Amino acid sequence: MQHTAAQAYSKVAKTTSSPRDVEADLLVRAATRLQAARDAWPDDDNGRTALMFNRRLWTILATSATSSDNPLPQQIKQNIGNIAVFIFNQTQSIINDPRPEKLNSLISINREIAAGLRTS
């Protein structure tokens, strides 16, 4: 269970050709899991599992995007890093003070970035 996001990333990578498509698919998958947790609130197990999946995914995305060997422009790397920090802080906030409406920002961010990855 600890490597669920990495395993999902690997599985999706095998079925699609573009890294952008893989990232978009995983962000949508995470958003869908967060949405399901919000809709089924207060099922804490699903909520915590969805939050941990999303956090692991963002850890992988941020680590990859901000690495020194990534060719992305520095401003984009910084933006991704800033979004990841927000994701991590919001996740901790939800764990400390669980309320379903606090998932909205995570769901929205994942969906918007996925849409942007698919259109660019």
PDB file of N, CA and C in Angstrom:
ATOM      1  N   MET A   1       0.817  -1.190   0.000  1.00  0.00           N
ATOM      2  CA  MET A   1       0.000   0.000   0.000  1.00  0.00           C
ATOM      3  C   MET A   1       0.863   1.257   0.000  1.00  0.00           C
ATOM      4  N   GLN A   2       2.081   1.140   0.494  1.00  0.00           N
ATOM      5  CA  GLN A   2       2.948   2.289   0.615  1.00  0.00           C
ATOM      6  C   GLN A   2       3.347   2.869  -0.736  1.00  0.00           C
ATOM      7  N   HIS A   3       3.413   2.050  -1.755  1.00  0.00           N
ATOM      8  CA  HIS A   3       3.871   2.508  -3.066  1.00  0.00           C
ATOM      9  C   HIS A   3       2.740   2.577  -4.074  1.00  0.00           C
ATOM     10  N   THR A   4       1.519   2.756  -3.609  1.00  0.00           N
ATOM     11  CA  THR A   4       0.356   2.738  -4.484  1.00  0.00           C
ATOM     12  C   THR A   4       0.449   3.779  -5.592  1.00  0.00           C
ATOM     13  N   ALA A   5       0.820   4.997  -5.292  1.00  0.00           N
ATOM     14  CA  ALA A   5       0.913   6.040  -6.319  1.00  0.00           C
ATOM     15  C   ALA A   5       2.000   5.703  -7.328  1.00  0.00           C
ATOM     16  N   ALA A   6       3.135   5.231  -6.851  1.00  0.00           N
ATOM     17  CA  ALA A   6       4.219   4.871  -7.765  1.00  0.00           C
ATOM     18  C   ALA A   6       3.821   3.686  -8.636  1.00  0.00           C
ATOM     19  N   GLN A   7       3.127   2.731  -8.069  1.00  0.00           N
ATOM     20  CA  GLN A   7       2.660   1.588  -8.852  1.00  0.00           C
ATOM     21  C   GLN A   7       1.639   2.014  -9.887  1.00  0.00           C
ATOM     22  N   ALA A   8       0.745   2.903  -9.517  1.00  0.00           N
ATOM     23  CA  ALA A   8      -0.245   3.411 -10.462  1.00  0.00           C
ATOM     24  C   ALA A   8       0.449   4.175 -11.581  1.00  0.00           C
ATOM     25  N   TYR A   9       1.446   4.956 -11.230  1.00  0.00           N
ATOM     26  CA  TYR A   9       2.207   5.715 -12.230  1.00  0.00           C
ATOM     27  C   TYR A   9       2.843   4.746 -13.218  1.00  0.00           C
ATOM     28  N   SER A  10       3.456   3.702 -12.711  1.00  0.00           N
ATOM     29  CA  SER A  10       4.108   2.701 -13.555  1.00  0.00           C
ATOM     30  C   SER A  10       3.103   1.971 -14.439  1.00  0.00           C
ATOM     31  N   LYS A  11       1.961   1.602 -13.876  1.00  0.00           N
ATOM     32  CA  LYS A  11       0.939   0.887 -14.630  1.00  0.00           C
ATOM     33  C   LYS A  11       0.374   1.745 -15.758  1.00  0.00           C
ATOM     34  N   VAL A  12       0.057   3.003 -15.451  1.00  0.00           N
ATOM     35  CA  VAL A  12      -0.484   3.890 -16.472  1.00  0.00           C
ATOM     36  C   VAL A  12       0.575   4.189 -17.529  1.00  0.00           C
ATOM     37  N   ALA A  13       1.831   4.310 -17.116  1.00  0.00           N
ATOM     38  CA  ALA A  13       2.912   4.605 -18.060  1.00  0.00           C
ATOM     39  C   ALA A  13       3.039   3.516 -19.118  1.00  0.00           C
ATOM     40  N   LYS A  14       2.717   2.300 -18.769  1.00  0.00           N
ATOM     41  CA  LYS A  14       2.811   1.192 -19.714  1.00  0.00           C
ATOM     42  C   LYS A  14       1.703   1.233 -20.759  1.00  0.00           C
ATOM     43  N   THR A  15       0.603   1.891 -20.465  1.00  0.00           N
ATOM     44  CA  THR A  15      -0.535   1.874 -21.379  1.00  0.00           C
ATOM     45  C   THR A  15      -0.685   3.145 -22.197  1.00  0.00           C
ATOM     46  N   THR A  16       0.082   4.176 -21.906  1.00  0.00           N
ATOM     47  CA  THR A  16       0.020   5.413 -22.673  1.00  0.00           C
ATOM     48  C   THR A  16       1.419   5.793 -23.122  1.00  0.00           C
ATOM     49  N   SER A  17       1.503   6.596 -24.164  1.00  0.00           N
ATOM     50  CA  SER A  17       2.819   6.902 -24.695  1.00  0.00           C
ATOM     51  C   SER A  17       3.400   8.209 -24.171  1.00  0.00           C
ATOM     52  N   SER A  18       2.579   9.168 -23.854  1.00  0.00           N
ATOM     53  CA  SER A  18       3.065  10.485 -23.459  1.00  0.00           C
ATOM     54  C   SER A  18       3.164  10.618 -21.943  1.00  0.00           C
ATOM     55  N   PRO A  19       4.299  11.103 -21.442  1.00  0.00           N
ATOM     56  CA  PRO A  19       4.397  11.339 -19.994  1.00  0.00           C
ATOM     57  C   PRO A  19       3.337  12.333 -19.504  1.00  0.00           C
ATOM     58  N   ARG A  20       2.975  13.298 -20.341  1.00  0.00           N
ATOM     59  CA  ARG A  20       1.930  14.258 -19.960  1.00  0.00           C
ATOM     60  C   ARG A  20       0.590  13.543 -19.781  1.00  0.00           C
ATOM     61  N   ASP A  21       0.305  12.581 -20.668  1.00  0.00           N
ATOM     62  CA  ASP A  21      -0.931  11.801 -20.542  1.00  0.00           C
ATOM     63  C   ASP A  21      -0.931  10.982 -19.258  1.00  0.00           C
ATOM     64  N   VAL A  22       0.210  10.391 -18.930  1.00  0.00           N
ATOM     65  CA  VAL A  22       0.332   9.599 -17.704  1.00  0.00           C
ATOM     66  C   VAL A  22       0.051  10.485 -16.493  1.00  0.00           C
ATOM     67  N   GLU A  23       0.682  11.646 -16.465  1.00  0.00           N
ATOM     68  CA  GLU A  23       0.487  12.557 -15.337  1.00  0.00           C
ATOM     69  C   GLU A  23      -0.965  13.022 -15.248  1.00  0.00           C
ATOM     70  N   ALA A  24      -1.552  13.357 -16.395  1.00  0.00           N
ATOM     71  CA  ALA A  24      -2.958  13.797 -16.405  1.00  0.00           C
ATOM     72  C   ALA A  24      -3.870  12.680 -15.907  1.00  0.00           C
ATOM     73  N   ASP A  25      -3.652  11.465 -16.381  1.00  0.00           N
ATOM     74  CA  ASP A  25      -4.483  10.332 -15.957  1.00  0.00           C
ATOM     75  C   ASP A  25      -4.379  10.100 -14.445  1.00  0.00           C
ATOM     76  N   LEU A  26      -3.185  10.189 -13.913  1.00  0.00           N
ATOM     77  CA  LEU A  26      -3.011   9.975 -12.480  1.00  0.00           C
ATOM     78  C   LEU A  26      -3.625  11.097 -11.648  1.00  0.00           C
ATOM     79  N   LEU A  27      -3.517  12.319 -12.123  1.00  0.00           N
ATOM     80  CA  LEU A  27      -4.145  13.432 -11.413  1.00  0.00           C
ATOM     81  C   LEU A  27      -5.666  13.286 -11.406  1.00  0.00           C
ATOM     82  N   VAL A  28      -6.229  12.848 -12.520  1.00  0.00           N
ATOM     83  CA  VAL A  28      -7.674  12.611 -12.579  1.00  0.00           C
ATOM     84  C   VAL A  28      -8.051  11.461 -11.654  1.00  0.00           C
ATOM     85  N   ARG A  29      -7.243  10.408 -11.643  1.00  0.00           N
ATOM     86  CA  ARG A  29      -7.515   9.274 -10.751  1.00  0.00           C
ATOM     87  C   ARG A  29      -7.504   9.730  -9.291  1.00  0.00           C
ATOM     88  N   ALA A  30      -6.528  10.540  -8.924  1.00  0.00           N
ATOM     89  CA  ALA A  30      -6.457  11.039  -7.548  1.00  0.00           C
ATOM     90  C   ALA A  30      -7.652  11.937  -7.236  1.00  0.00           C
ATOM     91  N   ALA A  31      -8.025  12.810  -8.188  1.00  0.00           N
ATOM     92  CA  ALA A  31      -9.176  13.690  -7.984  1.00  0.00           C
ATOM     93  C   ALA A  31     -10.456  12.879  -7.817  1.00  0.00           C
ATOM     94  N   THR A  32     -10.587  11.828  -8.605  1.00  0.00           N
ATOM     95  CA  THR A  32     -11.768  10.963  -8.521  1.00  0.00           C
ATOM     96  C   THR A  32     -11.849  10.283  -7.155  1.00  0.00           C
ATOM     97  N   ARG A  33     -10.716   9.827  -6.656  1.00  0.00           N
ATOM     98  CA  ARG A  33     -10.687   9.184  -5.333  1.00  0.00           C
ATOM     99  C   ARG A  33     -11.024  10.195  -4.230  1.00  0.00           C
ATOM    100  N   LEU A  34     -10.495  11.401  -4.351  1.00  0.00           N
ATOM    101  CA  LEU A  34     -10.805  12.447  -3.371  1.00  0.00           C
ATOM    102  C   LEU A  34     -12.283  12.824  -3.422  1.00  0.00           C
ATOM    103  N   GLN A  35     -12.834  12.918  -4.634  1.00  0.00           N
ATOM    104  CA  GLN A  35     -14.253  13.233  -4.807  1.00  0.00           C
ATOM    105  C   GLN A  35     -15.128  12.149  -4.177  1.00  0.00           C
ATOM    106  N   ALA A  36     -14.765  10.897  -4.417  1.00  0.00           N
ATOM    107  CA  ALA A  36     -15.527   9.780  -3.838  1.00  0.00           C
ATOM    108  C   ALA A  36     -15.473   9.830  -2.311  1.00  0.00           C
ATOM    109  N   ALA A  37     -14.313  10.157  -1.769  1.00  0.00           N
ATOM    110  CA  ALA A  37     -14.180  10.271  -0.311  1.00  0.00           C
ATOM    111  C   ALA A  37     -15.042  11.412   0.219  1.00  0.00           C
ATOM    112  N   ARG A  38     -15.038  12.535  -0.498  1.00  0.00           N
ATOM    113  CA  ARG A  38     -15.859  13.671  -0.075  1.00  0.00           C
ATOM    114  C   ARG A  38     -17.335  13.305  -0.123  1.00  0.00           C
ATOM    115  N   ASP A  39     -17.747  12.637  -1.191  1.00  0.00           N
ATOM    116  CA  ASP A  39     -19.156  12.272  -1.350  1.00  0.00           C
ATOM    117  C   ASP A  39     -19.609  11.242  -0.321  1.00  0.00           C
ATOM    118  N   ALA A  40     -18.689  10.393   0.147  1.00  0.00           N
ATOM    119  CA  ALA A  40     -19.036   9.339   1.112  1.00  0.00           C
ATOM    120  C   ALA A  40     -18.705   9.740   2.545  1.00  0.00           C
ATOM    121  N   TRP A  41     -18.360  10.996   2.755  1.00  0.00           N
ATOM    122  CA  TRP A  41     -17.967  11.473   4.081  1.00  0.00           C
ATOM    123  C   TRP A  41     -18.991  11.060   5.100  1.00  0.00           C
ATOM    124  N   PRO A  42     -18.650  10.593   6.262  1.00  0.00           N
ATOM    125  CA  PRO A  42     -17.377  10.630   6.958  1.00  0.00           C
ATOM    126  C   PRO A  42     -16.610   9.309   6.949  1.00  0.00           C
ATOM    127  N   ASP A  43     -16.604   8.590   5.865  1.00  0.00           N
ATOM    128  CA  ASP A  43     -15.854   7.336   5.780  1.00  0.00           C
ATOM    129  C   ASP A  43     -14.358   7.653   5.811  1.00  0.00           C
ATOM    130  N   ASP A  44     -13.803   7.695   7.011  1.00  0.00           N
ATOM    131  CA  ASP A  44     -12.414   8.128   7.207  1.00  0.00           C
ATOM    132  C   ASP A  44     -11.402   7.265   6.490  1.00  0.00           C
ATOM    133  N   ASP A  45     -11.654   5.964   6.359  1.00  0.00           N
ATOM    134  CA  ASP A  45     -10.694   5.094   5.690  1.00  0.00           C
ATOM    135  C   ASP A  45     -10.506   5.494   4.232  1.00  0.00           C
ATOM    136  N   ASN A  46     -11.608   5.719   3.513  1.00  0.00           N
ATOM    137  CA  ASN A  46     -11.491   6.144   2.123  1.00  0.00           C
ATOM    138  C   ASN A  46     -10.871   7.524   2.010  1.00  0.00           C
ATOM    139  N   GLY A  47     -11.218   8.405   2.897  1.00  0.00           N
ATOM    140  CA  GLY A  47     -10.651   9.746   2.870  1.00  0.00           C
ATOM    141  C   GLY A  47      -9.155   9.733   3.106  1.00  0.00           C
ATOM    142  N   ARG A  48      -8.727   9.031   4.096  1.00  0.00           N
ATOM    143  CA  ARG A  48      -7.290   8.956   4.404  1.00  0.00           C
ATOM    144  C   ARG A  48      -6.537   8.269   3.269  1.00  0.00           C
ATOM    145  N   THR A  49      -7.092   7.204   2.735  1.00  0.00           N
ATOM    146  CA  THR A  49      -6.444   6.499   1.622  1.00  0.00           C
ATOM    147  C   THR A  49      -6.323   7.408   0.403  1.00  0.00           C
ATOM    148  N   ALA A  50      -7.377   8.144   0.097  1.00  0.00           N
ATOM    149  CA  ALA A  50      -7.348   9.070  -1.043  1.00  0.00           C
ATOM    150  C   ALA A  50      -6.333  10.188  -0.811  1.00  0.00           C
ATOM    151  N   LEU A  51      -6.286  10.713   0.405  1.00  0.00           N
ATOM    152  CA  LEU A  51      -5.311  11.764   0.723  1.00  0.00           C
ATOM    153  C   LEU A  51      -3.878  11.263   0.599  1.00  0.00           C
ATOM    154  N   MET A  52      -3.615  10.060   1.074  1.00  0.00           N
ATOM    155  CA  MET A  52      -2.258   9.523   1.010  1.00  0.00           C
ATOM    156  C   MET A  52      -1.850   9.221  -0.443  1.00  0.00           C
ATOM    157  N   PHE A  53      -2.793   8.727  -1.245  1.00  0.00           N
ATOM    158  CA  PHE A  53      -2.514   8.498  -2.659  1.00  0.00           C
ATOM    159  C   PHE A  53      -2.147   9.821  -3.340  1.00  0.00           C
ATOM    160  N   ASN A  54      -2.949  10.842  -3.072  1.00  0.00           N
ATOM    161  CA  ASN A  54      -2.710  12.152  -3.672  1.00  0.00           C
ATOM    162  C   ASN A  54      -1.372  12.734  -3.212  1.00  0.00           C
ATOM    163  N   ARG A  55      -1.080  12.599  -1.941  1.00  0.00           N
ATOM    164  CA  ARG A  55       0.192  13.122  -1.421  1.00  0.00           C
ATOM    165  C   ARG A  55       1.375  12.399  -2.048  1.00  0.00           C
ATOM    166  N   ARG A  56       1.293  11.069  -2.160  1.00  0.00           N
ATOM    167  CA  ARG A  56       2.384  10.316  -2.798  1.00  0.00           C
ATOM    168  C   ARG A  56       2.551  10.712  -4.255  1.00  0.00           C
ATOM    169  N   LEU A  57       1.432  10.867  -4.948  1.00  0.00           N
ATOM    170  CA  LEU A  57       1.488  11.279  -6.347  1.00  0.00           C
ATOM    171  C   LEU A  57       2.175  12.635  -6.470  1.00  0.00           C
ATOM    172  N   TRP A  58       1.786  13.591  -5.639  1.00  0.00           N
ATOM    173  CA  TRP A  58       2.384  14.919  -5.703  1.00  0.00           C
ATOM    174  C   TRP A  58       3.850  14.904  -5.275  1.00  0.00           C
ATOM    175  N   THR A  59       4.218  14.014  -4.391  1.00  0.00           N
ATOM    176  CA  THR A  59       5.628  13.866  -4.028  1.00  0.00           C
ATOM    177  C   THR A  59       6.435  13.429  -5.247  1.00  0.00           C
ATOM    178  N   ILE A  60       5.906  12.467  -5.974  1.00  0.00           N
ATOM    179  CA  ILE A  60       6.579  11.979  -7.181  1.00  0.00           C
ATOM    180  C   ILE A  60       6.634  13.078  -8.247  1.00  0.00           C
ATOM    181  N   LEU A  61       5.505  13.736  -8.485  1.00  0.00           N
ATOM    182  CA  LEU A  61       5.464  14.794  -9.498  1.00  0.00           C
ATOM    183  C   LEU A  61       6.418  15.932  -9.152  1.00  0.00           C
ATOM    184  N   ALA A  62       6.386  16.382  -7.923  1.00  0.00           N
ATOM    185  CA  ALA A  62       7.217  17.510  -7.522  1.00  0.00           C
ATOM    186  C   ALA A  62       8.696  17.152  -7.544  1.00  0.00           C
ATOM    187  N   THR A  63       9.033  15.965  -7.097  1.00  0.00           N
ATOM    188  CA  THR A  63      10.429  15.541  -7.096  1.00  0.00           C
ATOM    189  C   THR A  63      10.961  15.465  -8.521  1.00  0.00           C
ATOM    190  N   SER A  64      10.161  14.899  -9.400  1.00  0.00           N
ATOM    191  CA  SER A  64      10.573  14.784 -10.802  1.00  0.00           C
ATOM    192  C   SER A  64      10.667  16.151 -11.472  1.00  0.00           C
ATOM    193  N   ALA A  65       9.651  16.970 -11.286  1.00  0.00           N
ATOM    194  CA  ALA A  65       9.591  18.263 -11.974  1.00  0.00           C
ATOM    195  C   ALA A  65      10.654  19.235 -11.488  1.00  0.00           C
ATOM    196  N   THR A  66      11.016  19.163 -10.236  1.00  0.00           N
ATOM    197  CA  THR A  66      11.955  20.151  -9.693  1.00  0.00           C
ATOM    198  C   THR A  66      13.398  19.658  -9.665  1.00  0.00           C
ATOM    199  N   SER A  67      13.652  18.463 -10.163  1.00  0.00           N
ATOM    200  CA  SER A  67      15.028  17.963 -10.154  1.00  0.00           C
ATOM    201  C   SER A  67      15.899  18.806 -11.086  1.00  0.00           C
ATOM    202  N   SER A  68      17.158  18.865 -10.775  1.00  0.00           N
ATOM    203  CA  SER A  68      18.082  19.713 -11.546  1.00  0.00           C
ATOM    204  C   SER A  68      18.233  19.249 -12.987  1.00  0.00           C
ATOM    205  N   ASP A  69      18.006  17.981 -13.257  1.00  0.00           N
ATOM    206  CA  ASP A  69      18.148  17.487 -14.632  1.00  0.00           C
ATOM    207  C   ASP A  69      16.849  17.576 -15.447  1.00  0.00           C
ATOM    208  N   ASN A  70      15.776  18.083 -14.848  1.00  0.00           N
ATOM    209  CA  ASN A  70      14.534  18.268 -15.592  1.00  0.00           C
ATOM    210  C   ASN A  70      14.667  19.521 -16.454  1.00  0.00           C
ATOM    211  N   PRO A  71      14.332  19.414 -17.755  1.00  0.00           N
ATOM    212  CA  PRO A  71      14.520  20.552 -18.657  1.00  0.00           C
ATOM    213  C   PRO A  71      13.454  21.651 -18.564  1.00  0.00           C
ATOM    214  N   LEU A  72      12.489  21.514 -17.684  1.00  0.00           N
ATOM    215  CA  LEU A  72      11.470  22.550 -17.545  1.00  0.00           C
ATOM    216  C   LEU A  72      12.108  23.885 -17.169  1.00  0.00           C
ATOM    217  N   PRO A  73      11.505  24.985 -17.625  1.00  0.00           N
ATOM    218  CA  PRO A  73      12.001  26.300 -17.202  1.00  0.00           C
ATOM    219  C   PRO A  73      11.897  26.453 -15.681  1.00  0.00           C
ATOM    220  N   GLN A  74      12.814  27.228 -15.132  1.00  0.00           N
ATOM    221  CA  GLN A  74      12.881  27.403 -13.676  1.00  0.00           C
ATOM    222  C   GLN A  74      11.558  27.906 -13.093  1.00  0.00           C
ATOM    223  N   GLN A  75      10.873  28.807 -13.784  1.00  0.00           N
ATOM    224  CA  GLN A  75       9.609  29.352 -13.269  1.00  0.00           C
ATOM    225  C   GLN A  75       8.550  28.251 -13.147  1.00  0.00           C
ATOM    226  N   ILE A  76       8.491  27.361 -14.101  1.00  0.00           N
ATOM    227  CA  ILE A  76       7.522  26.253 -14.032  1.00  0.00           C
ATOM    228  C   ILE A  76       7.897  25.307 -12.897  1.00  0.00           C
ATOM    229  N   LYS A  77       9.173  25.020 -12.744  1.00  0.00           N
ATOM    230  CA  LYS A  77       9.617  24.183 -11.630  1.00  0.00           C
ATOM    231  C   LYS A  77       9.194  24.801 -10.298  1.00  0.00           C
ATOM    232  N   GLN A  78       9.387  26.103 -10.185  1.00  0.00           N
ATOM    233  CA  GLN A  78       9.015  26.811  -8.953  1.00  0.00           C
ATOM    234  C   GLN A  78       7.509  26.732  -8.717  1.00  0.00           C
ATOM    235  N   ASN A  79       6.730  26.918  -9.773  1.00  0.00           N
ATOM    236  CA  ASN A  79       5.272  26.853  -9.642  1.00  0.00           C
ATOM    237  C   ASN A  79       4.808  25.468  -9.197  1.00  0.00           C
ATOM    238  N   ILE A  80       5.387  24.435  -9.786  1.00  0.00           N
ATOM    239  CA  ILE A  80       5.028  23.063  -9.400  1.00  0.00           C
ATOM    240  C   ILE A  80       5.409  22.810  -7.947  1.00  0.00           C
ATOM    241  N   GLY A  81       6.590  23.273  -7.569  1.00  0.00           N
ATOM    242  CA  GLY A  81       7.015  23.136  -6.172  1.00  0.00           C
ATOM    243  C   GLY A  81       6.071  23.848  -5.220  1.00  0.00           C
ATOM    244  N   ASN A  82       5.643  25.049  -5.586  1.00  0.00           N
ATOM    245  CA  ASN A  82       4.705  25.804  -4.736  1.00  0.00           C
ATOM    246  C   ASN A  82       3.352  25.107  -4.620  1.00  0.00           C
ATOM    247  N   ILE A  83       2.867  24.560  -5.722  1.00  0.00           N
ATOM    248  CA  ILE A  83       1.594  23.823  -5.683  1.00  0.00           C
ATOM    249  C   ILE A  83       1.742  22.604  -4.784  1.00  0.00           C
ATOM    250  N   ALA A  84       2.866  21.898  -4.915  1.00  0.00           N
ATOM    251  CA  ALA A  84       3.089  20.716  -4.082  1.00  0.00           C
ATOM    252  C   ALA A  84       3.096  21.077  -2.601  1.00  0.00           C
ATOM    253  N   VAL A  85       3.740  22.174  -2.258  1.00  0.00           N
ATOM    254  CA  VAL A  85       3.757  22.611  -0.849  1.00  0.00           C
ATOM    255  C   VAL A  85       2.336  22.888  -0.373  1.00  0.00           C
ATOM    256  N   PHE A  86       1.532  23.540  -1.210  1.00  0.00           N
ATOM    257  CA  PHE A  86       0.134  23.785  -0.839  1.00  0.00           C
ATOM    258  C   PHE A  86      -0.595  22.451  -0.634  1.00  0.00           C
ATOM    259  N   ILE A  87      -0.399  21.509  -1.562  1.00  0.00           N
ATOM    260  CA  ILE A  87      -1.042  20.183  -1.457  1.00  0.00           C
ATOM    261  C   ILE A  87      -0.666  19.520  -0.132  1.00  0.00           C
ATOM    262  N   PHE A  88       0.620  19.536   0.203  1.00  0.00           N
ATOM    263  CA  PHE A  88       1.080  18.894   1.440  1.00  0.00           C
ATOM    264  C   PHE A  88       0.491  19.586   2.670  1.00  0.00           C
ATOM    265  N   ASN A  89       0.476  20.906   2.658  1.00  0.00           N
ATOM    266  CA  ASN A  89      -0.096  21.648   3.795  1.00  0.00           C
ATOM    267  C   ASN A  89      -1.598  21.422   3.915  1.00  0.00           C
ATOM    268  N   GLN A  90      -2.299  21.423   2.797  1.00  0.00           N
ATOM    269  CA  GLN A  90      -3.743  21.206   2.817  1.00  0.00           C
ATOM    270  C   GLN A  90      -4.063  19.786   3.289  1.00  0.00           C
ATOM    271  N   THR A  91      -3.263  18.829   2.848  1.00  0.00           N
ATOM    272  CA  THR A  91      -3.456  17.442   3.291  1.00  0.00           C
ATOM    273  C   THR A  91      -3.318  17.352   4.802  1.00  0.00           C
ATOM    274  N   GLN A  92      -2.283  17.972   5.350  1.00  0.00           N
ATOM    275  CA  GLN A  92      -2.088  17.945   6.798  1.00  0.00           C
ATOM    276  C   GLN A  92      -3.228  18.659   7.514  1.00  0.00           C
ATOM    277  N   SER A  93      -3.705  19.742   6.940  1.00  0.00           N
ATOM    278  CA  SER A  93      -4.826  20.473   7.522  1.00  0.00           C
ATOM    279  C   SER A  93      -6.075  19.598   7.571  1.00  0.00           C
ATOM    280  N   ILE A  94      -6.305  18.826   6.524  1.00  0.00           N
ATOM    281  CA  ILE A  94      -7.477  17.943   6.492  1.00  0.00           C
ATOM    282  C   ILE A  94      -7.332  16.828   7.513  1.00  0.00           C
ATOM    283  N   ILE A  95      -6.131  16.304   7.657  1.00  0.00           N
ATOM    284  CA  ILE A  95      -5.895  15.252   8.653  1.00  0.00           C
ATOM    285  C   ILE A  95      -6.141  15.801  10.066  1.00  0.00           C
ATOM    286  N   ASN A  96      -5.678  17.023  10.307  1.00  0.00           N
ATOM    287  CA  ASN A  96      -5.827  17.630  11.635  1.00  0.00           C
ATOM    288  C   ASN A  96      -7.249  18.094  11.926  1.00  0.00           C
ATOM    289  N   ASP A  97      -7.954  18.538  10.904  1.00  0.00           N
ATOM    290  CA  ASP A  97      -9.308  19.065  11.060  1.00  0.00           C
ATOM    291  C   ASP A  97     -10.157  18.555   9.895  1.00  0.00           C
ATOM    292  N   PRO A  98     -10.585  17.288   9.966  1.00  0.00           N
ATOM    293  CA  PRO A  98     -11.273  16.680   8.832  1.00  0.00           C
ATOM    294  C   PRO A  98     -12.653  17.278   8.563  1.00  0.00           C
ATOM    295  N   ARG A  99     -12.768  17.885   7.402  1.00  0.00           N
ATOM    296  CA  ARG A  99     -14.048  18.399   6.910  1.00  0.00           C
ATOM    297  C   ARG A  99     -14.096  18.164   5.412  1.00  0.00           C
ATOM    298  N   PRO A 100     -15.190  17.657   4.890  1.00  0.00           N
ATOM    299  CA  PRO A 100     -15.244  17.273   3.473  1.00  0.00           C
ATOM    300  C   PRO A 100     -15.005  18.432   2.510  1.00  0.00           C
ATOM    301  N   GLU A 101     -15.452  19.625   2.861  1.00  0.00           N
ATOM    302  CA  GLU A 101     -15.285  20.761   1.947  1.00  0.00           C
ATOM    303  C   GLU A 101     -13.817  21.142   1.755  1.00  0.00           C
ATOM    304  N   LYS A 102     -12.952  20.725   2.674  1.00  0.00           N
ATOM    305  CA  LYS A 102     -11.528  21.020   2.542  1.00  0.00           C
ATOM    306  C   LYS A 102     -10.884  20.213   1.411  1.00  0.00           C
ATOM    307  N   LEU A 103     -11.568  19.179   0.937  1.00  0.00           N
ATOM    308  CA  LEU A 103     -11.049  18.391  -0.191  1.00  0.00           C
ATOM    309  C   LEU A 103     -11.243  19.109  -1.527  1.00  0.00           C
ATOM    310  N   ASN A 104     -12.137  20.094  -1.558  1.00  0.00           N
ATOM    311  CA  ASN A 104     -12.468  20.765  -2.822  1.00  0.00           C
ATOM    312  C   ASN A 104     -11.247  21.345  -3.531  1.00  0.00           C
ATOM    313  N   SER A 105     -10.367  21.991  -2.788  1.00  0.00           N
ATOM    314  CA  SER A 105      -9.198  22.612  -3.429  1.00  0.00           C
ATOM    315  C   SER A 105      -8.282  21.560  -4.040  1.00  0.00           C
ATOM    316  N   LEU A 106      -8.090  20.433  -3.364  1.00  0.00           N
ATOM    317  CA  LEU A 106      -7.238  19.369  -3.907  1.00  0.00           C
ATOM    318  C   LEU A 106      -7.852  18.783  -5.179  1.00  0.00           C
ATOM    319  N   ILE A 107      -9.149  18.559  -5.148  1.00  0.00           N
ATOM    320  CA  ILE A 107      -9.857  18.017  -6.311  1.00  0.00           C
ATOM    321  C   ILE A 107      -9.730  18.984  -7.487  1.00  0.00           C
ATOM    322  N   SER A 108      -9.967  20.243  -7.234  1.00  0.00           N
ATOM    323  CA  SER A 108      -9.918  21.256  -8.281  1.00  0.00           C
ATOM    324  C   SER A 108      -8.516  21.392  -8.881  1.00  0.00           C
ATOM    325  N   ILE A 109      -7.501  21.443  -8.037  1.00  0.00           N
ATOM    326  CA  ILE A 109      -6.126  21.564  -8.528  1.00  0.00           C
ATOM    327  C   ILE A 109      -5.775  20.387  -9.429  1.00  0.00           C
ATOM    328  N   ASN A 110      -6.069  19.187  -8.981  1.00  0.00           N
ATOM    329  CA  ASN A 110      -5.741  18.005  -9.783  1.00  0.00           C
ATOM    330  C   ASN A 110      -6.460  18.031 -11.131  1.00  0.00           C
ATOM    331  N   ARG A 111      -7.729  18.363 -11.117  1.00  0.00           N
ATOM    332  CA  ARG A 111      -8.490  18.382 -12.372  1.00  0.00           C
ATOM    333  C   ARG A 111      -8.009  19.478 -13.317  1.00  0.00           C
ATOM    334  N   GLU A 112      -7.734  20.641 -12.786  1.00  0.00           N
ATOM    335  CA  GLU A 112      -7.284  21.758 -13.637  1.00  0.00           C
ATOM    336  C   GLU A 112      -5.913  21.474 -14.248  1.00  0.00           C
ATOM    337  N   ILE A 113      -5.007  20.942 -13.461  1.00  0.00           N
ATOM    338  CA  ILE A 113      -3.678  20.644 -14.007  1.00  0.00           C
ATOM    339  C   ILE A 113      -3.769  19.509 -15.022  1.00  0.00           C
ATOM    340  N   ALA A 114      -4.591  18.510 -14.752  1.00  0.00           N
ATOM    341  CA  ALA A 114      -4.789  17.419 -15.719  1.00  0.00           C
ATOM    342  C   ALA A 114      -5.326  17.968 -17.034  1.00  0.00           C
ATOM    343  N   ALA A 115      -6.297  18.859 -16.954  1.00  0.00           N
ATOM    344  CA  ALA A 115      -6.858  19.457 -18.173  1.00  0.00           C
ATOM    345  C   ALA A 115      -5.791  20.233 -18.929  1.00  0.00           C
ATOM    346  N   GLY A 116      -4.970  20.973 -18.210  1.00  0.00           N
ATOM    347  CA  GLY A 116      -3.890  21.717 -18.850  1.00  0.00           C
ATOM    348  C   GLY A 116      -2.861  20.817 -19.502  1.00  0.00           C
ATOM    349  N   LEU A 117      -2.543  19.718 -18.864  1.00  0.00           N
ATOM    350  CA  LEU A 117      -1.594  18.765 -19.449  1.00  0.00           C
ATOM    351  C   LEU A 117      -2.141  18.160 -20.732  1.00  0.00           C
ATOM    352  N   ARG A 118      -3.425  17.961 -20.780  1.00  0.00           N
ATOM    353  CA  ARG A 118      -4.035  17.343 -21.962  1.00  0.00           C
ATOM    354  C   ARG A 118      -4.189  18.309 -23.122  1.00  0.00           C
ATOM    355  N   THR A 119      -4.275  19.606 -22.855  1.00  0.00           N
ATOM    356  CA  THR A 119      -4.472  20.570 -23.927  1.00  0.00           C
ATOM    357  C   THR A 119      -3.186  21.164 -24.460  1.00  0.00           C
ATOM    358  N   SER A 120      -2.113  21.049 -23.690  1.00  0.00           N
ATOM    359  CA  SER A 120      -0.853  21.656 -24.117  1.00  0.00           C
ATOM    360  C   SER A 120      -0.107  20.766 -25.093  1.00  0.00           C
TER     361      SER A 120
END
